Amino acid sequence: MTKNIGFGYIIELVAERILDGEYTEGERIPSVREMAVLMQVAPNTVVHAYERLGAQGLIYTQRGIGFFVAPGALELVRQQRRRLFHEETIPRLKRLVAQLGITEEELRQELGL
């Protein structure tokens, strides 16, 4: 039985593992079959995710050997995440801080600044 996990989830999972250092540049990542079993999804879901990750420059394939984390992948993920942080997370945080009446001091204390 397969779970209802989309290819986007697998893309995020691989990117997160690159960011966390679980997958390092040049390291082999799970094969399509291995990832499909691990995530309990159809192999085509993994193929689609890996194609997208390749198009983003995060992974590459060596025919007959497997998929590997691309050189520069960590920096690419960091850049993507920083952009999302500035474009999405900070505006949401600002709205929430205002809505909840959180003071600058409270925010600094919680963030350890």
N, C-alpha and C. Protein backbone atom coordinates (compact mmCIF):
# COMPACT_ATOMS: atom_id res chain seq x y z
N MET A 1 0.84 -1.19 0.00
CA MET A 1 0.00 0.00 0.00
C MET A 1 0.89 1.25 0.00
N THR A 2 0.53 2.21 -0.82
CA THR A 2 1.32 3.43 -0.89
C THR A 2 0.66 4.54 -0.09
N LYS A 3 1.48 5.39 0.47
CA LYS A 3 0.98 6.56 1.20
C LYS A 3 0.64 7.64 0.19
N ASN A 4 -0.16 8.59 0.62
CA ASN A 4 -0.54 9.70 -0.24
C ASN A 4 0.47 10.84 -0.06
N ILE A 5 1.71 10.57 -0.44
CA ILE A 5 2.78 11.56 -0.34
C ILE A 5 3.10 12.01 -1.75
N GLY A 6 3.10 13.29 -1.97
CA GLY A 6 3.42 13.82 -3.29
C GLY A 6 4.92 13.94 -3.49
N PHE A 7 5.31 14.17 -4.73
CA PHE A 7 6.73 14.31 -5.04
C PHE A 7 7.32 15.52 -4.34
N GLY A 8 6.50 16.54 -4.07
CA GLY A 8 6.98 17.74 -3.38
C GLY A 8 7.51 17.43 -2.00
N TYR A 9 6.89 16.47 -1.33
CA TYR A 9 7.34 16.07 0.01
C TYR A 9 8.74 15.46 -0.08
N ILE A 10 8.97 14.65 -1.10
CA ILE A 10 10.28 14.01 -1.27
C ILE A 10 11.33 15.06 -1.61
N ILE A 11 10.97 16.03 -2.44
CA ILE A 11 11.89 17.13 -2.76
C ILE A 11 12.29 17.85 -1.48
N GLU A 12 11.31 18.18 -0.65
CA GLU A 12 11.59 18.88 0.61
C GLU A 12 12.44 18.02 1.55
N LEU A 13 12.16 16.72 1.59
CA LEU A 13 12.91 15.81 2.45
C LEU A 13 14.38 15.77 2.05
N VAL A 14 14.64 15.61 0.76
CA VAL A 14 16.03 15.57 0.29
C VAL A 14 16.72 16.90 0.55
N ALA A 15 16.04 18.01 0.26
CA ALA A 15 16.62 19.34 0.50
C ALA A 15 16.94 19.52 1.98
N GLU A 16 16.03 19.09 2.84
CA GLU A 16 16.23 19.20 4.29
C GLU A 16 17.43 18.38 4.74
N ARG A 17 17.56 17.19 4.18
CA ARG A 17 18.70 16.33 4.55
C ARG A 17 20.02 16.91 4.06
N ILE A 18 19.99 17.58 2.92
CA ILE A 18 21.20 18.27 2.44
C ILE A 18 21.53 19.41 3.40
N LEU A 19 20.53 20.18 3.77
CA LEU A 19 20.72 21.32 4.68
C LEU A 19 21.22 20.87 6.05
N ASP A 20 20.71 19.75 6.53
CA ASP A 20 21.10 19.22 7.84
C ASP A 20 22.44 18.48 7.82
N GLY A 21 23.00 18.27 6.62
CA GLY A 21 24.26 17.56 6.52
C GLY A 21 24.14 16.06 6.50
N GLU A 22 22.91 15.54 6.46
CA GLU A 22 22.72 14.09 6.37
C GLU A 22 23.15 13.58 5.00
N TYR A 23 22.91 14.37 3.97
CA TYR A 23 23.38 14.07 2.61
C TYR A 23 24.41 15.14 2.28
N THR A 24 25.64 14.72 2.00
CA THR A 24 26.69 15.68 1.68
C THR A 24 27.01 15.66 0.19
N GLU A 25 27.62 16.73 -0.27
CA GLU A 25 27.95 16.86 -1.69
C GLU A 25 28.81 15.70 -2.15
N GLY A 26 28.41 15.09 -3.26
CA GLY A 26 29.11 13.94 -3.81
C GLY A 26 28.65 12.61 -3.25
N GLU A 27 27.82 12.65 -2.20
CA GLU A 27 27.34 11.42 -1.57
C GLU A 27 26.17 10.83 -2.35
N ARG A 28 26.13 9.51 -2.42
CA ARG A 28 25.02 8.82 -3.06
C ARG A 28 23.80 8.91 -2.15
N ILE A 29 22.65 9.19 -2.75
CA ILE A 29 21.39 9.21 -2.00
C ILE A 29 20.63 7.93 -2.34
N PRO A 30 19.56 7.61 -1.61
CA PRO A 30 18.83 6.38 -1.90
C PRO A 30 18.37 6.31 -3.36
N SER A 31 18.42 5.10 -3.89
CA SER A 31 17.94 4.87 -5.26
C SER A 31 16.44 5.13 -5.31
N VAL A 32 15.91 5.18 -6.51
CA VAL A 32 14.46 5.36 -6.67
C VAL A 32 13.73 4.26 -5.92
N ARG A 33 14.15 3.03 -6.10
CA ARG A 33 13.50 1.90 -5.44
C ARG A 33 13.61 2.01 -3.92
N GLU A 34 14.82 2.32 -3.43
CA GLU A 34 15.03 2.45 -1.99
C GLU A 34 14.16 3.55 -1.39
N MET A 35 14.11 4.70 -2.05
CA MET A 35 13.31 5.82 -1.54
C MET A 35 11.83 5.49 -1.60
N ALA A 36 11.40 4.80 -2.66
CA ALA A 36 9.99 4.42 -2.79
C ALA A 36 9.58 3.50 -1.65
N VAL A 37 10.43 2.54 -1.32
CA VAL A 37 10.14 1.63 -0.21
C VAL A 37 10.15 2.39 1.11
N LEU A 38 11.16 3.22 1.30
CA LEU A 38 11.29 4.00 2.53
C LEU A 38 10.08 4.90 2.76
N MET A 39 9.63 5.58 1.70
CA MET A 39 8.52 6.52 1.82
C MET A 39 7.16 5.89 1.57
N GLN A 40 7.16 4.62 1.18
CA GLN A 40 5.93 3.89 0.87
C GLN A 40 5.12 4.59 -0.21
N VAL A 41 5.82 4.91 -1.30
CA VAL A 41 5.18 5.56 -2.45
C VAL A 41 5.53 4.78 -3.71
N ALA A 42 4.84 5.11 -4.79
CA ALA A 42 5.14 4.49 -6.07
C ALA A 42 6.50 5.01 -6.58
N PRO A 43 7.27 4.15 -7.23
CA PRO A 43 8.56 4.59 -7.78
C PRO A 43 8.44 5.81 -8.69
N ASN A 44 7.35 5.94 -9.44
CA ASN A 44 7.18 7.09 -10.32
C ASN A 44 7.16 8.41 -9.55
N THR A 45 6.66 8.38 -8.32
CA THR A 45 6.64 9.58 -7.48
C THR A 45 8.07 10.02 -7.19
N VAL A 46 8.93 9.05 -6.88
CA VAL A 46 10.33 9.35 -6.60
C VAL A 46 11.04 9.82 -7.86
N VAL A 47 10.75 9.17 -8.99
CA VAL A 47 11.36 9.57 -10.26
C VAL A 47 11.05 11.04 -10.54
N HIS A 48 9.79 11.41 -10.36
CA HIS A 48 9.38 12.80 -10.60
C HIS A 48 10.13 13.75 -9.66
N ALA A 49 10.23 13.38 -8.39
CA ALA A 49 10.94 14.22 -7.41
C ALA A 49 12.41 14.35 -7.78
N TYR A 50 13.04 13.24 -8.13
CA TYR A 50 14.46 13.27 -8.48
C TYR A 50 14.70 14.08 -9.75
N GLU A 51 13.77 14.02 -10.70
CA GLU A 51 13.90 14.84 -11.91
C GLU A 51 13.88 16.32 -11.54
N ARG A 52 12.97 16.70 -10.66
CA ARG A 52 12.88 18.10 -10.22
C ARG A 52 14.14 18.52 -9.46
N LEU A 53 14.62 17.64 -8.58
CA LEU A 53 15.84 17.94 -7.83
C LEU A 53 17.03 18.10 -8.77
N GLY A 54 17.07 17.29 -9.81
CA GLY A 54 18.13 17.42 -10.81
C GLY A 54 18.03 18.73 -11.56
N ALA A 55 16.81 19.11 -11.92
CA ALA A 55 16.59 20.37 -12.64
C ALA A 55 16.97 21.57 -11.78
N GLN A 56 16.84 21.43 -10.46
CA GLN A 56 17.22 22.51 -9.54
C GLN A 56 18.72 22.54 -9.27
N GLY A 57 19.43 21.53 -9.77
CA GLY A 57 20.87 21.46 -9.56
C GLY A 57 21.28 20.89 -8.23
N LEU A 58 20.36 20.20 -7.55
CA LEU A 58 20.67 19.66 -6.23
C LEU A 58 21.23 18.25 -6.28
N ILE A 59 20.82 17.47 -7.29
CA ILE A 59 21.34 16.11 -7.43
C ILE A 59 21.70 15.87 -8.90
N TYR A 60 22.46 14.83 -9.12
CA TYR A 60 22.78 14.40 -10.48
C TYR A 60 22.81 12.88 -10.49
N THR A 61 22.74 12.32 -11.67
CA THR A 61 22.76 10.87 -11.79
C THR A 61 24.01 10.41 -12.51
N GLN A 62 24.50 9.27 -12.07
CA GLN A 62 25.56 8.57 -12.79
C GLN A 62 24.93 7.27 -13.27
N ARG A 63 24.74 7.19 -14.56
CA ARG A 63 24.04 6.06 -15.16
C ARG A 63 24.58 4.73 -14.63
N GLY A 64 23.67 3.92 -14.14
CA GLY A 64 24.02 2.60 -13.64
C GLY A 64 24.59 2.58 -12.24
N ILE A 65 24.85 3.76 -11.68
CA ILE A 65 25.43 3.82 -10.33
C ILE A 65 24.44 4.39 -9.33
N GLY A 66 23.78 5.49 -9.68
CA GLY A 66 22.80 6.06 -8.77
C GLY A 66 22.74 7.57 -8.83
N PHE A 67 22.08 8.11 -7.83
CA PHE A 67 21.88 9.56 -7.71
C PHE A 67 22.80 10.08 -6.61
N PHE A 68 23.35 11.28 -6.85
CA PHE A 68 24.32 11.86 -5.94
C PHE A 68 23.98 13.33 -5.68
N VAL A 69 24.39 13.81 -4.51
CA VAL A 69 24.22 15.23 -4.18
C VAL A 69 25.22 16.02 -5.02
N ALA A 70 24.72 17.02 -5.71
CA ALA A 70 25.54 17.81 -6.63
C ALA A 70 26.48 18.76 -5.87
N PRO A 71 27.64 19.05 -6.47
CA PRO A 71 28.50 20.08 -5.90
C PRO A 71 27.74 21.41 -5.83
N GLY A 72 27.86 22.09 -4.71
CA GLY A 72 27.17 23.36 -4.54
C GLY A 72 25.73 23.24 -4.07
N ALA A 73 25.25 22.00 -3.87
CA ALA A 73 23.85 21.80 -3.48
C ALA A 73 23.53 22.45 -2.14
N LEU A 74 24.43 22.34 -1.19
CA LEU A 74 24.17 22.93 0.14
C LEU A 74 23.94 24.43 0.02
N GLU A 75 24.79 25.10 -0.72
CA GLU A 75 24.65 26.55 -0.88
C GLU A 75 23.36 26.90 -1.62
N LEU A 76 23.00 26.09 -2.62
CA LEU A 76 21.74 26.32 -3.35
C LEU A 76 20.54 26.20 -2.42
N VAL A 77 20.53 25.16 -1.58
CA VAL A 77 19.42 24.98 -0.63
C VAL A 77 19.38 26.15 0.34
N ARG A 78 20.53 26.55 0.83
CA ARG A 78 20.57 27.70 1.76
C ARG A 78 20.00 28.95 1.11
N GLN A 79 20.40 29.21 -0.13
CA GLN A 79 19.89 30.38 -0.84
C GLN A 79 18.38 30.30 -1.02
N GLN A 80 17.88 29.14 -1.40
CA GLN A 80 16.43 28.96 -1.58
C GLN A 80 15.70 29.20 -0.27
N ARG A 81 16.22 28.61 0.80
CA ARG A 81 15.57 28.73 2.11
C ARG A 81 15.63 30.15 2.65
N ARG A 82 16.75 30.83 2.43
CA ARG A 82 16.86 32.22 2.88
C ARG A 82 15.86 33.10 2.14
N ARG A 83 15.72 32.87 0.83
CA ARG A 83 14.76 33.65 0.03
C ARG A 83 13.35 33.42 0.56
N LEU A 84 12.99 32.16 0.80
CA LEU A 84 11.66 31.86 1.34
C LEU A 84 11.47 32.47 2.72
N PHE A 85 12.52 32.43 3.53
CA PHE A 85 12.45 33.01 4.87
C PHE A 85 12.12 34.49 4.79
N HIS A 86 12.81 35.21 3.91
CA HIS A 86 12.59 36.65 3.77
C HIS A 86 11.26 36.97 3.09
N GLU A 87 10.86 36.16 2.12
CA GLU A 87 9.63 36.45 1.37
C GLU A 87 8.36 35.96 2.05
N GLU A 88 8.46 34.87 2.82
CA GLU A 88 7.25 34.28 3.39
C GLU A 88 7.22 34.26 4.91
N THR A 89 8.29 33.77 5.53
CA THR A 89 8.29 33.58 6.98
C THR A 89 8.28 34.90 7.73
N ILE A 90 9.16 35.83 7.36
CA ILE A 90 9.23 37.11 8.08
C ILE A 90 7.92 37.88 7.99
N PRO A 91 7.31 38.02 6.80
CA PRO A 91 6.02 38.73 6.76
C PRO A 91 4.94 38.07 7.63
N ARG A 92 4.90 36.73 7.63
CA ARG A 92 3.92 36.02 8.48
C ARG A 92 4.22 36.27 9.95
N LEU A 93 5.50 36.23 10.30
CA LEU A 93 5.91 36.46 11.69
C LEU A 93 5.55 37.87 12.13
N LYS A 94 5.80 38.85 11.27
CA LYS A 94 5.45 40.24 11.60
C LYS A 94 3.96 40.38 11.87
N ARG A 95 3.14 39.77 11.01
CA ARG A 95 1.68 39.84 11.21
C ARG A 95 1.28 39.19 12.53
N LEU A 96 1.85 38.02 12.80
CA LEU A 96 1.51 37.29 14.01
C LEU A 96 1.95 38.04 15.26
N VAL A 97 3.14 38.61 15.24
CA VAL A 97 3.64 39.40 16.37
C VAL A 97 2.69 40.56 16.64
N ALA A 98 2.26 41.24 15.59
CA ALA A 98 1.34 42.37 15.76
C ALA A 98 -0.01 41.90 16.28
N GLN A 99 -0.53 40.81 15.72
CA GLN A 99 -1.84 40.30 16.13
C GLN A 99 -1.85 39.88 17.60
N LEU A 100 -0.74 39.30 18.05
CA LEU A 100 -0.68 38.78 19.42
C LEU A 100 -0.16 39.80 20.42
N GLY A 101 0.27 40.94 19.93
CA GLY A 101 0.77 41.98 20.83
C GLY A 101 2.08 41.61 21.50
N ILE A 102 2.90 40.84 20.82
CA ILE A 102 4.19 40.44 21.38
C ILE A 102 5.14 41.63 21.28
N THR A 103 5.80 41.91 22.39
CA THR A 103 6.73 43.05 22.41
C THR A 103 8.07 42.65 21.79
N GLU A 104 8.82 43.68 21.42
CA GLU A 104 10.16 43.44 20.86
C GLU A 104 11.03 42.71 21.87
N GLU A 105 10.89 43.07 23.14
CA GLU A 105 11.67 42.43 24.20
C GLU A 105 11.33 40.94 24.31
N GLU A 106 10.03 40.62 24.27
CA GLU A 106 9.62 39.21 24.33
C GLU A 106 10.20 38.43 23.15
N LEU A 107 10.13 39.03 21.99
CA LEU A 107 10.62 38.38 20.79
C LEU A 107 12.13 38.15 20.87
N ARG A 108 12.86 39.16 21.31
CA ARG A 108 14.31 39.02 21.46
C ARG A 108 14.65 37.92 22.46
N GLN A 109 13.91 37.88 23.56
CA GLN A 109 14.16 36.88 24.59
C GLN A 109 13.91 35.48 24.05
N GLU A 110 12.81 35.30 23.35
CA GLU A 110 12.48 33.99 22.79
C GLU A 110 13.48 33.55 21.73
N LEU A 111 14.00 34.50 20.97
CA LEU A 111 14.97 34.18 19.92
C LEU A 111 16.40 34.11 20.45
N GLY A 112 16.58 34.49 21.70
CA GLY A 112 17.91 34.45 22.30
C GLY A 112 18.85 35.50 21.74
N LEU A 113 18.29 36.67 21.42
CA LEU A 113 19.10 37.75 20.85
C LEU A 113 19.49 38.77 21.90
